[in-house]
PDB file of N, CA and C in Angstrom:
ATOM      1  N   MET A   1       0.843  -1.183   0.000  1.00  0.00           N
ATOM      2  CA  MET A   1       0.000   0.000   0.000  1.00  0.00           C
ATOM      3  C   MET A   1       0.884   1.241   0.000  1.00  0.00           C
ATOM      4  N   SER A   2       0.516   2.207  -0.793  1.00  0.00           N
ATOM      5  CA  SER A   2       1.302   3.433  -0.930  1.00  0.00           C
ATOM      6  C   SER A   2       0.997   4.403   0.205  1.00  0.00           C
ATOM      7  N   ASP A   3       2.024   5.122   0.610  1.00  0.00           N
ATOM      8  CA  ASP A   3       1.838   6.158   1.618  1.00  0.00           C
ATOM      9  C   ASP A   3       1.476   7.490   0.983  1.00  0.00           C
ATOM     10  N   GLU A   4       1.256   7.485  -0.330  1.00  0.00           N
ATOM     11  CA  GLU A   4       0.914   8.706  -1.044  1.00  0.00           C
ATOM     12  C   GLU A   4      -0.446   9.223  -0.591  1.00  0.00           C
ATOM     13  N   THR A   5      -0.533  10.536  -0.475  1.00  0.00           N
ATOM     14  CA  THR A   5      -1.801  11.183  -0.127  1.00  0.00           C
ATOM     15  C   THR A   5      -2.117  12.226  -1.183  1.00  0.00           C
ATOM     16  N   ILE A   6      -3.321  12.757  -1.116  1.00  0.00           N
ATOM     17  CA  ILE A   6      -3.673  13.845  -2.026  1.00  0.00           C
ATOM     18  C   ILE A   6      -2.682  14.994  -1.864  1.00  0.00           C
ATOM     19  N   HIS A   7      -2.226  15.193  -0.628  1.00  0.00           N
ATOM     20  CA  HIS A   7      -1.294  16.292  -0.344  1.00  0.00           C
ATOM     21  C   HIS A   7       0.049  16.060  -1.043  1.00  0.00           C
ATOM     22  N   SER A   8       0.560  14.843  -0.947  1.00  0.00           N
ATOM     23  CA  SER A   8       1.855  14.563  -1.584  1.00  0.00           C
ATOM     24  C   SER A   8       1.737  14.571  -3.104  1.00  0.00           C
ATOM     25  N   ARG A   9       0.605  14.094  -3.639  1.00  0.00           N
ATOM     26  CA  ARG A   9       0.418  14.133  -5.096  1.00  0.00           C
ATOM     27  C   ARG A   9       0.302  15.569  -5.588  1.00  0.00           C
ATOM     28  N   LEU A  10      -0.360  16.418  -4.814  1.00  0.00           N
ATOM     29  CA  LEU A  10      -0.478  17.829  -5.177  1.00  0.00           C
ATOM     30  C   LEU A  10       0.892  18.506  -5.148  1.00  0.00           C
ATOM     31  N   ARG A  11       1.679  18.247  -4.097  1.00  0.00           N
ATOM     32  CA  ARG A  11       3.039  18.804  -4.022  1.00  0.00           C
ATOM     33  C   ARG A  11       3.867  18.358  -5.219  1.00  0.00           C
ATOM     34  N   ALA A  12       3.776  17.076  -5.564  1.00  0.00           N
ATOM     35  CA  ALA A  12       4.557  16.543  -6.687  1.00  0.00           C
ATOM     36  C   ALA A  12       4.126  17.175  -8.011  1.00  0.00           C
ATOM     37  N   ALA A  13       2.823  17.387  -8.192  1.00  0.00           N
ATOM     38  CA  ALA A  13       2.328  17.987  -9.440  1.00  0.00           C
ATOM     39  C   ALA A  13       2.787  19.435  -9.570  1.00  0.00           C
ATOM     40  N   ILE A  14       2.784  20.167  -8.462  1.00  0.00           N
ATOM     41  CA  ILE A  14       3.256  21.556  -8.476  1.00  0.00           C
ATOM     42  C   ILE A  14       4.747  21.585  -8.806  1.00  0.00           C
ATOM     43  N   LYS A  15       5.502  20.694  -8.166  1.00  0.00           N
ATOM     44  CA  LYS A  15       6.947  20.632  -8.419  1.00  0.00           C
ATOM     45  C   LYS A  15       7.224  20.243  -9.872  1.00  0.00           C
ATOM     46  N   ALA A  16       6.484  19.258 -10.389  1.00  0.00           N
ATOM     47  CA  ALA A  16       6.698  18.799 -11.767  1.00  0.00           C
ATOM     48  C   ALA A  16       6.410  19.905 -12.776  1.00  0.00           C
ATOM     49  N   ARG A  17       5.467  20.755 -12.455  1.00  0.00           N
ATOM     50  CA  ARG A  17       5.131  21.856 -13.365  1.00  0.00           C
ATOM     51  C   ARG A  17       6.121  23.012 -13.204  1.00  0.00           C
ATOM     52  N   GLY A  18       6.895  23.000 -12.123  1.00  0.00           N
ATOM     53  CA  GLY A  18       7.898  24.041 -11.904  1.00  0.00           C
ATOM     54  C   GLY A  18       7.303  25.382 -11.525  1.00  0.00           C
ATOM     55  N   ILE A  19       6.209  25.338 -10.776  1.00  0.00           N
ATOM     56  CA  ILE A  19       5.555  26.583 -10.369  1.00  0.00           C
ATOM     57  C   ILE A  19       5.568  26.709  -8.852  1.00  0.00           C
ATOM     58  N   THR A  20       5.182  27.869  -8.382  1.00  0.00           N
ATOM     59  CA  THR A  20       5.196  28.149  -6.951  1.00  0.00           C
ATOM     60  C   THR A  20       3.791  28.077  -6.370  1.00  0.00           C
ATOM     61  N   VAL A  21       3.741  27.987  -5.051  1.00  0.00           N
ATOM     62  CA  VAL A  21       2.464  28.039  -4.340  1.00  0.00           C
ATOM     63  C   VAL A  21       1.760  29.354  -4.653  1.00  0.00           C
ATOM     64  N   THR A  22       2.529  30.422  -4.751  1.00  0.00           N
ATOM     65  CA  THR A  22       1.964  31.736  -5.078  1.00  0.00           C
ATOM     66  C   THR A  22       1.288  31.709  -6.444  1.00  0.00           C
ATOM     67  N   ALA A  23       1.916  31.060  -7.421  1.00  0.00           N
ATOM     68  CA  ALA A  23       1.329  30.969  -8.763  1.00  0.00           C
ATOM     69  C   ALA A  23       0.037  30.163  -8.746  1.00  0.00           C
ATOM     70  N   VAL A  24       0.022  29.069  -7.998  1.00  0.00           N
ATOM     71  CA  VAL A  24      -1.194  28.252  -7.885  1.00  0.00           C
ATOM     72  C   VAL A  24      -2.309  29.075  -7.248  1.00  0.00           C
ATOM     73  N   ALA A  25      -1.980  29.761  -6.163  1.00  0.00           N
ATOM     74  CA  ALA A  25      -2.976  30.579  -5.467  1.00  0.00           C
ATOM     75  C   ALA A  25      -3.530  31.664  -6.382  1.00  0.00           C
ATOM     76  N   ALA A  26      -2.659  32.324  -7.114  1.00  0.00           N
ATOM     77  CA  ALA A  26      -3.102  33.392  -8.016  1.00  0.00           C
ATOM     78  C   ALA A  26      -4.001  32.836  -9.117  1.00  0.00           C
ATOM     79  N   HIS A  27      -3.622  31.713  -9.690  1.00  0.00           N
ATOM     80  CA  HIS A  27      -4.412  31.131 -10.779  1.00  0.00           C
ATOM     81  C   HIS A  27      -5.798  30.700 -10.298  1.00  0.00           C
ATOM     82  N   LEU A  28      -5.862  30.137  -9.095  1.00  0.00           N
ATOM     83  CA  LEU A  28      -7.142  29.663  -8.568  1.00  0.00           C
ATOM     84  C   LEU A  28      -7.897  30.743  -7.796  1.00  0.00           C
ATOM     85  N   GLN A  29      -7.263  31.905  -7.662  1.00  0.00           N
ATOM     86  CA  GLN A  29      -7.849  33.035  -6.944  1.00  0.00           C
ATOM     87  C   GLN A  29      -8.210  32.672  -5.500  1.00  0.00           C
ATOM     88  N   VAL A  30      -7.223  32.045  -4.837  1.00  0.00           N
ATOM     89  CA  VAL A  30      -7.322  31.741  -3.414  1.00  0.00           C
ATOM     90  C   VAL A  30      -6.054  32.266  -2.752  1.00  0.00           C
ATOM     91  N   SER A  31      -6.036  32.250  -1.440  1.00  0.00           N
ATOM     92  CA  SER A  31      -4.849  32.737  -0.733  1.00  0.00           C
ATOM     93  C   SER A  31      -3.744  31.677  -0.727  1.00  0.00           C
ATOM     94  N   ARG A  32      -2.522  32.155  -0.523  1.00  0.00           N
ATOM     95  CA  ARG A  32      -1.386  31.234  -0.376  1.00  0.00           C
ATOM     96  C   ARG A  32      -1.621  30.289   0.786  1.00  0.00           C
ATOM     97  N   SER A  33      -2.202  30.807   1.864  1.00  0.00           N
ATOM     98  CA  SER A  33      -2.427  29.956   3.040  1.00  0.00           C
ATOM     99  C   SER A  33      -3.417  28.833   2.731  1.00  0.00           C
ATOM    100  N   THR A  34      -4.382  29.092   1.850  1.00  0.00           N
ATOM    101  CA  THR A  34      -5.312  28.033   1.439  1.00  0.00           C
ATOM    102  C   THR A  34      -4.553  26.923   0.721  1.00  0.00           C
ATOM    103  N   VAL A  35      -3.702  27.295  -0.231  1.00  0.00           N
ATOM    104  CA  VAL A  35      -2.916  26.290  -0.962  1.00  0.00           C
ATOM    105  C   VAL A  35      -2.001  25.546   0.009  1.00  0.00           C
ATOM    106  N   ASN A  36      -1.387  26.257   0.942  1.00  0.00           N
ATOM    107  CA  ASN A  36      -0.519  25.598   1.925  1.00  0.00           C
ATOM    108  C   ASN A  36      -1.295  24.596   2.774  1.00  0.00           C
ATOM    109  N   ARG A  37      -2.541  24.921   3.125  1.00  0.00           N
ATOM    110  CA  ARG A  37      -3.375  23.964   3.873  1.00  0.00           C
ATOM    111  C   ARG A  37      -3.641  22.722   3.026  1.00  0.00           C
ATOM    112  N   TRP A  38      -3.892  22.916   1.714  1.00  0.00           N
ATOM    113  CA  TRP A  38      -4.096  21.767   0.816  1.00  0.00           C
ATOM    114  C   TRP A  38      -2.852  20.898   0.762  1.00  0.00           C
ATOM    115  N   LEU A  39      -1.692  21.516   0.842  1.00  0.00           N
ATOM    116  CA  LEU A  39      -0.438  20.768   0.763  1.00  0.00           C
ATOM    117  C   LEU A  39      -0.123  20.017   2.052  1.00  0.00           C
ATOM    118  N   LYS A  40      -0.801  20.382   3.146  1.00  0.00           N
ATOM    119  CA  LYS A  40      -0.485  19.782   4.442  1.00  0.00           C
ATOM    120  C   LYS A  40      -1.598  18.904   4.996  1.00  0.00           C
ATOM    121  N   TYR A  41      -2.824  19.430   5.109  1.00  0.00           N
ATOM    122  CA  TYR A  41      -3.837  18.654   5.829  1.00  0.00           C
ATOM    123  C   TYR A  41      -5.261  18.808   5.308  1.00  0.00           C
ATOM    124  N   GLN A  42      -5.564  19.871   4.634  1.00  0.00           N
ATOM    125  CA  GLN A  42      -6.937  20.096   4.182  1.00  0.00           C
ATOM    126  C   GLN A  42      -7.120  19.520   2.778  1.00  0.00           C
ATOM    127  N   ILE A  43      -8.281  18.949   2.518  1.00  0.00           N
ATOM    128  CA  ILE A  43      -8.564  18.399   1.191  1.00  0.00           C
ATOM    129  C   ILE A  43      -9.390  19.415   0.413  1.00  0.00           C
ATOM    130  N   PRO A  44      -8.929  19.800  -0.772  1.00  0.00           N
ATOM    131  CA  PRO A  44      -9.703  20.740  -1.590  1.00  0.00           C
ATOM    132  C   PRO A  44     -11.056  20.134  -1.952  1.00  0.00           C
ATOM    133  N   ASP A  45     -12.064  20.997  -2.146  1.00  0.00           N
ATOM    134  CA  ASP A  45     -13.366  20.476  -2.563  1.00  0.00           C
ATOM    135  C   ASP A  45     -13.302  20.053  -4.035  1.00  0.00           C
ATOM    136  N   ASP A  46     -14.375  19.447  -4.529  1.00  0.00           N
ATOM    137  CA  ASP A  46     -14.372  18.896  -5.891  1.00  0.00           C
ATOM    138  C   ASP A  46     -14.073  19.945  -6.956  1.00  0.00           C
ATOM    139  N   GLU A  47     -14.654  21.122  -6.824  1.00  0.00           N
ATOM    140  CA  GLU A  47     -14.396  22.179  -7.816  1.00  0.00           C
ATOM    141  C   GLU A  47     -12.926  22.580  -7.801  1.00  0.00           C
ATOM    142  N   GLN A  48     -12.368  22.723  -6.601  1.00  0.00           N
ATOM    143  CA  GLN A  48     -10.957  23.096  -6.488  1.00  0.00           C
ATOM    144  C   GLN A  48     -10.051  22.002  -7.051  1.00  0.00           C
ATOM    145  N   ILE A  49     -10.408  20.746  -6.818  1.00  0.00           N
ATOM    146  CA  ILE A  49      -9.611  19.643  -7.362  1.00  0.00           C
ATOM    147  C   ILE A  49      -9.644  19.680  -8.883  1.00  0.00           C
ATOM    148  N   PHE A  50     -10.814  19.941  -9.455  1.00  0.00           N
ATOM    149  CA  PHE A  50     -10.915  20.003 -10.914  1.00  0.00           C
ATOM    150  C   PHE A  50     -10.080  21.152 -11.465  1.00  0.00           C
ATOM    151  N   ARG A  51     -10.158  22.314 -10.818  1.00  0.00           N
ATOM    152  CA  ARG A  51      -9.385  23.471 -11.277  1.00  0.00           C
ATOM    153  C   ARG A  51      -7.888  23.232 -11.105  1.00  0.00           C
ATOM    154  N   LEU A  52      -7.507  22.630  -9.980  1.00  0.00           N
ATOM    155  CA  LEU A  52      -6.096  22.290  -9.762  1.00  0.00           C
ATOM    156  C   LEU A  52      -5.602  21.322 -10.830  1.00  0.00           C
ATOM    157  N   SER A  53      -6.391  20.302 -11.104  1.00  0.00           N
ATOM    158  CA  SER A  53      -5.954  19.293 -12.072  1.00  0.00           C
ATOM    159  C   SER A  53      -5.794  19.894 -13.463  1.00  0.00           C
ATOM    160  N   ALA A  54      -6.711  20.784 -13.849  1.00  0.00           N
ATOM    161  CA  ALA A  54      -6.601  21.433 -15.160  1.00  0.00           C
ATOM    162  C   ALA A  54      -5.340  22.293 -15.225  1.00  0.00           C
ATOM    163  N   TYR A  55      -5.071  23.035 -14.169  1.00  0.00           N
ATOM    164  CA  TYR A  55      -3.903  23.918 -14.145  1.00  0.00           C
ATOM    165  C   TYR A  55      -2.596  23.131 -14.102  1.00  0.00           C
ATOM    166  N   LEU A  56      -2.605  22.013 -13.387  1.00  0.00           N
ATOM    167  CA  LEU A  56      -1.380  21.237 -13.189  1.00  0.00           C
ATOM    168  C   LEU A  56      -1.200  20.129 -14.231  1.00  0.00           C
ATOM    169  N   ASN A  57      -2.146  20.020 -15.148  1.00  0.00           N
ATOM    170  CA  ASN A  57      -2.083  19.001 -16.207  1.00  0.00           C
ATOM    171  C   ASN A  57      -2.030  17.577 -15.665  1.00  0.00           C
ATOM    172  N   VAL A  58      -2.851  17.309 -14.664  1.00  0.00           N
ATOM    173  CA  VAL A  58      -3.040  15.952 -14.152  1.00  0.00           C
ATOM    174  C   VAL A  58      -4.544  15.717 -14.062  1.00  0.00           C
ATOM    175  N   SER A  59      -4.950  14.485 -13.964  1.00  0.00           N
ATOM    176  CA  SER A  59      -6.380  14.209 -13.868  1.00  0.00           C
ATOM    177  C   SER A  59      -6.860  14.390 -12.431  1.00  0.00           C
ATOM    178  N   PRO A  60      -8.144  14.728 -12.262  1.00  0.00           N
ATOM    179  CA  PRO A  60      -8.691  14.799 -10.904  1.00  0.00           C
ATOM    180  C   PRO A  60      -8.528  13.469 -10.162  1.00  0.00           C
ATOM    181  N   SER A  61      -8.706  12.351 -10.875  1.00  0.00           N
ATOM    182  CA  SER A  61      -8.564  11.051 -10.209  1.00  0.00           C
ATOM    183  C   SER A  61      -7.128  10.818  -9.744  1.00  0.00           C
ATOM    184  N   HIS A  62      -6.170  11.364 -10.475  1.00  0.00           N
ATOM    185  CA  HIS A  62      -4.780  11.245 -10.022  1.00  0.00           C
ATOM    186  C   HIS A  62      -4.589  11.990  -8.701  1.00  0.00           C
ATOM    187  N   LEU A  63      -5.115  13.200  -8.603  1.00  0.00           N
ATOM    188  CA  LEU A  63      -4.974  13.942  -7.347  1.00  0.00           C
ATOM    189  C   LEU A  63      -5.698  13.223  -6.214  1.00  0.00           C
ATOM    190  N   ARG A  64      -6.911  12.742  -6.484  1.00  0.00           N
ATOM    191  CA  ARG A  64      -7.698  12.100  -5.427  1.00  0.00           C
ATOM    192  C   ARG A  64      -7.126  10.752  -4.997  1.00  0.00           C
ATOM    193  N   ARG A  65      -6.849   9.879  -5.976  1.00  0.00           N
ATOM    194  CA  ARG A  65      -6.532   8.490  -5.649  1.00  0.00           C
ATOM    195  C   ARG A  65      -5.193   8.002  -6.175  1.00  0.00           C
ATOM    196  N   GLY A  66      -4.534   8.803  -6.983  1.00  0.00           N
ATOM    197  CA  GLY A  66      -3.262   8.371  -7.539  1.00  0.00           C
ATOM    198  C   GLY A  66      -3.403   7.651  -8.862  1.00  0.00           C
ATOM    199  N   SER A  67      -4.640   7.446  -9.318  1.00  0.00           N
ATOM    200  CA  SER A  67      -4.823   6.834 -10.632  1.00  0.00           C
ATOM    201  C   SER A  67      -4.742   7.935 -11.678  1.00  0.00           C
ATOM    202  N   ASP A  68      -4.490   7.548 -12.890  1.00  0.00           N
ATOM    203  CA  ASP A  68      -4.357   8.562 -13.930  1.00  0.00           C
ATOM    204  C   ASP A  68      -4.984   8.068 -15.215  1.00  0.00           C
ATOM    205  N   MET A  69      -5.429   9.009 -16.032  1.00  0.00           N
ATOM    206  CA  MET A  69      -5.952   8.665 -17.346  1.00  0.00           C
ATOM    207  C   MET A  69      -4.883   8.989 -18.378  1.00  0.00           C
ATOM    208  N   ASN A  70      -5.075   8.466 -19.579  1.00  0.00           N
ATOM    209  CA  ASN A  70      -4.052   8.719 -20.588  1.00  0.00           C
ATOM    210  C   ASN A  70      -4.021  10.195 -20.970  1.00  0.00           C
ATOM    211  N   ALA A  71      -2.895  10.613 -21.505  1.00  0.00           N
ATOM    212  CA  ALA A  71      -2.660  12.033 -21.795  1.00  0.00           C
ATOM    213  C   ALA A  71      -3.644  12.588 -22.818  1.00  0.00           C
ATOM    214  N   GLU A  72      -3.992  11.791 -23.823  1.00  0.00           N
ATOM    215  CA  GLU A  72      -4.930  12.271 -24.844  1.00  0.00           C
ATOM    216  C   GLU A  72      -6.304  12.547 -24.240  1.00  0.00           C
ATOM    217  N   HIS A  73      -6.773  11.642 -23.383  1.00  0.00           N
ATOM    218  CA  HIS A  73      -8.072  11.840 -22.742  1.00  0.00           C
ATOM    219  C   HIS A  73      -8.041  13.084 -21.851  1.00  0.00           C
ATOM    220  N   MET A  74      -6.952  13.256 -21.106  1.00  0.00           N
ATOM    221  CA  MET A  74      -6.822  14.428 -20.241  1.00  0.00           C
ATOM    222  C   MET A  74      -6.843  15.708 -21.065  1.00  0.00           C
ATOM    223  N   MET A  75      -6.171  15.716 -22.204  1.00  0.00           N
ATOM    224  CA  MET A  75      -6.153  16.898 -23.057  1.00  0.00           C
ATOM    225  C   MET A  75      -7.565  17.213 -23.556  1.00  0.00           C
ATOM    226  N   LEU A  76      -8.310  16.185 -23.941  1.00  0.00           N
ATOM    227  CA  LEU A  76      -9.688  16.393 -24.396  1.00  0.00           C
ATOM    228  C   LEU A  76     -10.562  16.947 -23.269  1.00  0.00           C
ATOM    229  N   CYS A  77     -10.356  16.460 -22.061  1.00  0.00           N
ATOM    230  CA  CYS A  77     -11.106  16.980 -20.909  1.00  0.00           C
ATOM    231  C   CYS A  77     -10.777  18.447 -20.660  1.00  0.00           C
ATOM    232  N   GLN A  78      -9.513  18.803 -20.819  1.00  0.00           N
ATOM    233  CA  GLN A  78      -9.114  20.197 -20.632  1.00  0.00           C
ATOM    234  C   GLN A  78      -9.722  21.089 -21.707  1.00  0.00           C
ATOM    235  N   ILE A  79      -9.791  20.597 -22.944  1.00  0.00           N
ATOM    236  CA  ILE A  79     -10.422  21.365 -24.020  1.00  0.00           C
ATOM    237  C   ILE A  79     -11.899  21.567 -23.711  1.00  0.00           C
ATOM    238  N   LEU A  80     -12.567  20.495 -23.264  1.00  0.00           N
ATOM    239  CA  LEU A  80     -13.980  20.601 -22.905  1.00  0.00           C
ATOM    240  C   LEU A  80     -14.181  21.618 -21.785  1.00  0.00           C
ATOM    241  N   PHE A  81     -13.316  21.575 -20.772  1.00  0.00           N
ATOM    242  CA  PHE A  81     -13.421  22.533 -19.675  1.00  0.00           C
ATOM    243  C   PHE A  81     -13.230  23.961 -20.179  1.00  0.00           C
ATOM    244  N   ALA A  82     -12.211  24.186 -20.998  1.00  0.00           N
ATOM    245  CA  ALA A  82     -11.941  25.533 -21.519  1.00  0.00           C
ATOM    246  C   ALA A  82     -13.125  26.052 -22.327  1.00  0.00           C
ATOM    247  N   LYS A  83     -13.702  25.202 -23.156  1.00  0.00           N
ATOM    248  CA  LYS A  83     -14.848  25.620 -23.960  1.00  0.00           C
ATOM    249  C   LYS A  83     -16.072  25.877 -23.085  1.00  0.00           C
ATOM    250  N   SER A  84     -16.200  25.133 -22.004  1.00  0.00           N
ATOM    251  CA  SER A  84     -17.378  25.285 -21.146  1.00  0.00           C
ATOM    252  C   SER A  84     -17.382  26.616 -20.398  1.00  0.00           C
ATOM    253  N   THR A  85     -16.228  27.251 -20.266  1.00  0.00           N
ATOM    254  CA  THR A  85     -16.194  28.536 -19.564  1.00  0.00           C
ATOM    255  C   THR A  85     -16.773  29.663 -20.409  1.00  0.00           C
ATOM    256  N   ASP A  86     -16.948  29.418 -21.706  1.00  0.00           N
ATOM    257  CA  ASP A  86     -17.481  30.439 -22.613  1.00  0.00           C
ATOM    258  C   ASP A  86     -18.963  30.269 -22.914  1.00  0.00           C
ATOM    259  N   ILE A  87     -19.616  29.311 -22.267  1.00  0.00           N
ATOM    260  CA  ILE A  87     -21.041  29.100 -22.537  1.00  0.00           C
ATOM    261  C   ILE A  87     -21.846  29.316 -21.262  1.00  0.00           C
ATOM    262  N   SER A  88     -23.139  29.412 -21.423  1.00  0.00           N
ATOM    263  CA  SER A  88     -24.013  29.701 -20.282  1.00  0.00           C
ATOM    264  C   SER A  88     -24.039  28.534 -19.296  1.00  0.00           C
ATOM    265  N   SER A  89     -24.424  28.842 -18.078  1.00  0.00           N
ATOM    266  CA  SER A  89     -24.534  27.806 -17.048  1.00  0.00           C
ATOM    267  C   SER A  89     -25.559  26.750 -17.436  1.00  0.00           C
ATOM    268  N   SER A  90     -26.640  27.175 -18.081  1.00  0.00           N
ATOM    269  CA  SER A  90     -27.656  26.194 -18.482  1.00  0.00           C
ATOM    270  C   SER A  90     -27.101  25.248 -19.551  1.00  0.00           C
ATOM    271  N   ASP A  91     -26.268  25.768 -20.453  1.00  0.00           N
ATOM    272  CA  ASP A  91     -25.650  24.892 -21.454  1.00  0.00           C
ATOM    273  C   ASP A  91     -24.619  23.959 -20.818  1.00  0.00           C
ATOM    274  N   VAL A  92     -23.904  24.447 -19.818  1.00  0.00           N
ATOM    275  CA  VAL A  92     -22.968  23.582 -19.092  1.00  0.00           C
ATOM    276  C   VAL A  92     -23.746  22.446 -18.434  1.00  0.00           C
ATOM    277  N   GLN A  93     -24.892  22.780 -17.829  1.00  0.00           N
ATOM    278  CA  GLN A  93     -25.710  21.746 -17.191  1.00  0.00           C
ATOM    279  C   GLN A  93     -26.182  20.719 -18.218  1.00  0.00           C
ATOM    280  N   ARG A  94     -26.527  21.171 -19.416  1.00  0.00           N
ATOM    281  CA  ARG A  94     -26.934  20.235 -20.475  1.00  0.00           C
ATOM    282  C   ARG A  94     -25.789  19.284 -20.832  1.00  0.00           C
ATOM    283  N   LEU A  95     -24.570  19.819 -20.895  1.00  0.00           N
ATOM    284  CA  LEU A  95     -23.415  18.961 -21.171  1.00  0.00           C
ATOM    285  C   LEU A  95     -23.199  17.939 -20.055  1.00  0.00           C
ATOM    286  N   ILE A  96     -23.380  18.371 -18.820  1.00  0.00           N
ATOM    287  CA  ILE A  96     -23.248  17.458 -17.681  1.00  0.00           C
ATOM    288  C   ILE A  96     -24.302  16.365 -17.769  1.00  0.00           C
ATOM    289  N   ASP A  97     -25.540  16.756 -18.078  1.00  0.00           N
ATOM    290  CA  ASP A  97     -26.618  15.775 -18.222  1.00  0.00           C
ATOM    291  C   ASP A  97     -26.307  14.778 -19.333  1.00  0.00           C
ATOM    292  N   LEU A  98     -25.771  15.280 -20.443  1.00  0.00           N
ATOM    293  CA  LEU A  98     -25.400  14.409 -21.555  1.00  0.00           C
ATOM    294  C   LEU A  98     -24.306  13.427 -21.129  1.00  0.00           C
ATOM    295  N   ALA A  99     -23.303  13.924 -20.430  1.00  0.00           N
ATOM    296  CA  ALA A  99     -22.225  13.052 -19.947  1.00  0.00           C
ATOM    297  C   ALA A  99     -22.778  11.991 -18.998  1.00  0.00           C
ATOM    298  N   ASP A 100     -23.720  12.391 -18.141  1.00  0.00           N
ATOM    299  CA  ASP A 100     -24.350  11.427 -17.235  1.00  0.00           C
ATOM    300  C   ASP A 100     -25.073  10.337 -18.013  1.00  0.00           C
ATOM    301  N   ARG A 101     -25.778  10.727 -19.079  1.00  0.00           N
ATOM    302  CA  ARG A 101     -26.489   9.736 -19.895  1.00  0.00           C
ATOM    303  C   ARG A 101     -25.514   8.770 -20.562  1.00  0.00           C
ATOM    304  N   PHE A 102     -24.371   9.280 -21.012  1.00  0.00           N
ATOM    305  CA  PHE A 102     -23.371   8.395 -21.609  1.00  0.00           C
ATOM    306  C   PHE A 102     -22.860   7.389 -20.586  1.00  0.00           C
ATOM    307  N   SER A 103     -22.556   7.855 -19.394  1.00  0.00           N
ATOM    308  CA  SER A 103     -21.985   6.946 -18.398  1.00  0.00           C
ATOM    309  C   SER A 103     -23.024   5.994 -17.816  1.00  0.00           C
ATOM    310  N   ASP A 104     -24.325   6.315 -17.972  1.00  0.00           N
ATOM    311  CA  ASP A 104     -25.390   5.443 -17.471  1.00  0.00           C
ATOM    312  C   ASP A 104     -25.867   4.428 -18.503  1.00  0.00           C
ATOM    313  N   THR A 105     -25.309   4.454 -19.707  1.00  0.00           N
ATOM    314  CA  THR A 105     -25.762   3.554 -20.771  1.00  0.00           C
ATOM    315  C   THR A 105     -24.591   2.795 -21.365  1.00  0.00           C
ATOM    316  N   ASP A 106     -24.915   1.957 -22.304  1.00  0.00           N
ATOM    317  CA  ASP A 106     -23.872   1.220 -23.016  1.00  0.00           C
ATOM    318  C   ASP A 106     -23.142   2.090 -24.026  1.00  0.00           C
ATOM    319  N   LEU A 107     -23.553   3.364 -24.162  1.00  0.00           N
ATOM    320  CA  LEU A 107     -22.875   4.263 -25.088  1.00  0.00           C
ATOM    321  C   LEU A 107     -21.488   4.640 -24.587  1.00  0.00           C
ATOM    322  N   CYS A 108     -21.292   4.492 -23.294  1.00  0.00           N
ATOM    323  CA  CYS A 108     -20.002   4.856 -22.692  1.00  0.00           C
ATOM    324  C   CYS A 108     -18.980   3.773 -23.001  1.00  0.00           C
ATOM    325  N   GLN A 109     -17.897   4.168 -23.624  1.00  0.00           N
ATOM    326  CA  GLN A 109     -16.831   3.228 -23.959  1.00  0.00           C
ATOM    327  C   GLN A 109     -15.596   3.578 -23.153  1.00  0.00           C
ATOM    328  N   THR A 110     -15.096   2.625 -22.421  1.00  0.00           N
ATOM    329  CA  THR A 110     -13.844   2.856 -21.698  1.00  0.00           C
ATOM    330  C   THR A 110     -12.709   2.305 -22.526  1.00  0.00           C
ATOM    331  N   GLU A 111     -11.622   3.042 -22.535  1.00  0.00           N
ATOM    332  CA  GLU A 111     -10.469   2.631 -23.350  1.00  0.00           C
ATOM    333  C   GLU A 111      -9.290   2.340 -22.476  1.00  0.00           C
TER     334      GLU A 111
END
């Protein structure tokens, strides 16, 4: 069993990207102390994990559990996220509903 935690995976992702805690805080529009708490003992909420993963180029599942998806899939997820910031909240909800329908049916293909 690995001793890795969300905190250690987050530290490693920040180090791998070659950025500072200050840069992470500025990008996510939170305080440095918030990021430092994430690095030590506090677990970011789901939205923060998604934003962190997009900024750090890792998957949310990697931050949460240490699992990772392939790079192409992650890139497609980042493109979807970037495009979703330019559309209305109701359209974002429609995309979420569509994704839910895919994962609830045989239309969902895992690779």
